[in-house]
Structures are given as C-alpha cells and as structure tokens.
C-alpha cells in the first residue's frame, strides 16, 4: 500500500521488504516485510505471501529465516500473525508461540447482534468511559 511504502521510505532502518522474483519472467513470486518497533525488542514479520504455483519450494521458509536473522540482534521477540499453513514452518524454524490473537470483523452497519443493545461503532468514534 502507499502508506507502507511511505513508511519504508521515511524509515528504512525500521522496515524492509524482501522479494523473490522469477528470474525468467521478472514476476514477484514471494514477498515479506520485516518491521522493527523502535525502542523495543519487538519486530513484526509481515506479509509472507507466496503465489500458489510457487508454494512448497521453501520460499516462505527462506524469507522467514532471512528476516529473523536480520532482526535477531536487535529484536529477538517477533510478532507474527499466521495461517494454519504457516505455523508448522515457524515452529520448525525455532519460533515458539506465546500467545494467540482472535480476529474480529467490524459489521458494515451500526446494528449489534439480534436482541442486543450493543452496536458496532464506526472507526474513529469516541466512546465515553
């Protein structure tokens, strides 16, 4: 996205992109992002996507290894949101899960579940506490 590209251009020391290209066609077949969190021991391993025709060739594993080795001295704690397909690869590479997240989808309307007085609020709405 434009926002990620602008962030990378502004702070290349905190965000880098790794891309694997098909040498014959020049097509990007796998990519991943390493995002350091300034002032902490945390990094984020973002992206990690490989085109279906190029899967099962070790590209995702190589990109995880590459990013982890770059981050290890500065940020030994990594945040990674994974699919069920990626988790075994990360574990085999030595990453240890310490927590899980649960994604939620914001409803398109402001109506809560049937029979509920709760309503989904548009992003950016101030909620009194």
Protein backbone atom coordinates (compact mmCIF):
# COMPACT_ATOMS: atom_id res chain seq x y z
CA UNK A 1 0.00 0.00 0.00
CA UNK A 2 1.03 3.61 -0.36
CA UNK A 3 1.12 4.09 3.42
CA UNK A 4 3.54 1.17 3.91
CA UNK A 5 5.72 2.37 1.04
CA UNK A 6 5.83 5.89 2.52
CA UNK A 7 6.72 4.47 5.94
CA UNK A 8 9.51 2.37 4.46
CA UNK A 9 10.92 5.33 2.53
CA UNK A 10 10.78 7.54 5.63
CA UNK A 11 12.37 4.97 7.98
CA UNK A 12 14.23 2.27 6.01
CA UNK A 13 16.01 1.33 9.25
CA UNK A 14 12.69 0.17 10.70
CA UNK A 15 11.05 -1.52 7.72
CA UNK A 16 12.42 -3.60 4.89
CA UNK A 17 10.82 -5.67 2.17
CA UNK A 18 12.21 -8.93 0.81
CA UNK A 19 11.02 -10.10 -2.60
CA UNK A 20 11.73 -13.30 -4.53
CA UNK A 21 11.46 -12.78 -8.28
CA UNK A 22 11.11 -15.34 -11.05
CA UNK A 23 14.37 -14.82 -12.96
CA UNK A 24 12.75 -15.74 -16.28
CA UNK A 25 9.66 -13.51 -16.16
CA UNK A 26 10.64 -10.94 -13.53
CA UNK A 27 7.36 -11.65 -11.71
CA UNK A 28 7.42 -11.33 -7.92
CA UNK A 29 6.53 -14.81 -6.63
CA UNK A 30 7.04 -14.33 -2.88
CA UNK A 31 7.44 -11.36 -0.59
CA UNK A 32 7.68 -10.48 3.09
CA UNK A 33 8.17 -7.45 5.32
CA UNK A 34 10.32 -7.01 8.41
CA UNK A 35 9.12 -4.19 10.63
CA UNK A 36 11.17 -3.18 13.66
CA UNK A 37 9.45 -1.44 16.58
CA UNK A 38 11.71 1.40 17.62
CA UNK A 39 12.78 1.44 21.26
CA UNK A 40 11.68 -2.15 21.92
CA UNK A 41 12.92 -5.69 21.46
CA UNK A 42 9.99 -6.43 19.14
CA UNK A 43 9.81 -6.86 15.41
CA UNK A 44 6.96 -7.86 13.15
CA UNK A 45 7.20 -10.42 10.41
CA UNK A 46 4.56 -9.20 7.99
CA UNK A 47 3.32 -10.44 4.65
CA UNK A 48 4.95 -13.73 3.95
CA UNK A 49 2.95 -14.48 0.85
CA UNK A 50 3.88 -16.82 -1.98
CA UNK A 51 1.96 -17.33 -5.21
CA UNK A 52 0.17 -20.72 -5.21
CA UNK A 53 2.18 -22.08 -8.16
CA UNK A 54 5.42 -21.37 -6.26
CA UNK A 55 4.48 -22.88 -2.89
CA UNK A 56 6.17 -25.95 -1.37
CA UNK A 57 9.59 -24.84 -2.67
CA UNK A 58 10.90 -23.32 0.57
CA UNK A 59 10.42 -19.66 -0.37
CA UNK A 60 8.32 -18.75 2.69
CA UNK A 61 10.77 -20.58 4.95
CA UNK A 62 13.73 -18.79 3.36
CA UNK A 63 12.07 -15.40 3.80
CA UNK A 64 11.25 -16.10 7.46
CA UNK A 65 14.84 -17.21 8.09
CA UNK A 66 16.23 -14.17 6.31
CA UNK A 67 14.08 -11.70 8.26
CA UNK A 68 14.64 -13.45 11.59
CA UNK A 69 18.42 -13.44 11.16
CA UNK A 70 18.36 -9.72 10.31
CA UNK A 71 16.25 -8.90 13.38
CA UNK A 72 17.73 -11.26 15.96
CA UNK A 73 20.42 -8.99 17.43
CA UNK A 74 18.08 -6.02 17.80
CA UNK A 75 14.64 -7.55 18.24
CA UNK A 76 14.58 -11.15 19.48
CA UNK A 77 10.80 -11.01 20.07
CA UNK A 78 8.72 -11.34 16.92
CA UNK A 79 5.04 -10.70 16.33
CA UNK A 80 3.66 -12.88 13.57
CA UNK A 81 0.04 -13.43 12.55
CA UNK A 82 -0.01 -16.80 10.84
CA UNK A 83 -2.28 -19.05 8.91
CA UNK A 84 -2.56 -22.71 9.90
CA UNK A 85 -0.24 -23.48 6.96
CA UNK A 86 2.50 -21.18 8.27
CA UNK A 87 2.53 -22.20 11.94
CA UNK A 88 4.36 -25.52 11.47
CA UNK A 89 7.02 -23.81 9.37
CA UNK A 90 7.62 -21.19 12.06
CA UNK A 91 7.85 -23.82 14.79
CA UNK A 92 10.34 -25.88 12.73
CA UNK A 93 12.44 -22.73 12.37
CA UNK A 94 12.58 -22.36 16.15
CA UNK A 95 9.91 -19.75 16.83
CA UNK A 96 7.88 -20.51 19.95
CA UNK A 97 4.25 -19.37 20.21
CA UNK A 98 3.49 -17.44 23.40
CA UNK A 99 0.01 -16.07 22.66
CA UNK A 100 -2.77 -16.18 20.10
CA UNK A 101 -4.98 -13.44 18.74
CA UNK A 102 -8.61 -13.63 17.78
CA UNK A 103 -9.62 -11.53 14.77
CA UNK A 104 -12.97 -9.79 14.68
CA UNK A 105 -14.86 -8.32 11.75
CA UNK A 106 -16.48 -4.92 12.17
CA UNK A 107 -20.04 -5.07 10.94
CA UNK A 108 -20.87 -2.82 8.00
CA UNK A 109 -23.93 -1.44 9.79
CA UNK A 110 -24.18 0.10 13.24
CA UNK A 111 -26.60 -2.57 14.44
CA UNK A 112 -25.41 -5.05 17.02
CA UNK A 113 -26.37 -8.72 17.16
CA UNK A 114 -30.09 -9.56 17.15
CA UNK A 115 -31.63 -8.78 20.52
CA UNK A 116 -28.55 -6.88 21.68
CA UNK A 117 -28.37 -3.27 22.71
CA UNK A 118 -24.69 -3.20 21.68
CA UNK A 119 -23.91 -1.55 18.39
CA UNK A 120 -20.78 -1.55 16.27
CA UNK A 121 -19.36 1.97 16.15
CA UNK A 122 -17.69 3.43 13.07
CA UNK A 123 -13.92 3.54 13.32
CA UNK A 124 -12.71 6.74 14.93
CA UNK A 125 -15.81 7.17 17.11
CA UNK A 126 -15.04 8.39 20.62
CA UNK A 127 -16.56 6.16 23.26
CA UNK A 128 -17.16 7.65 26.73
CA UNK A 129 -15.68 5.58 29.52
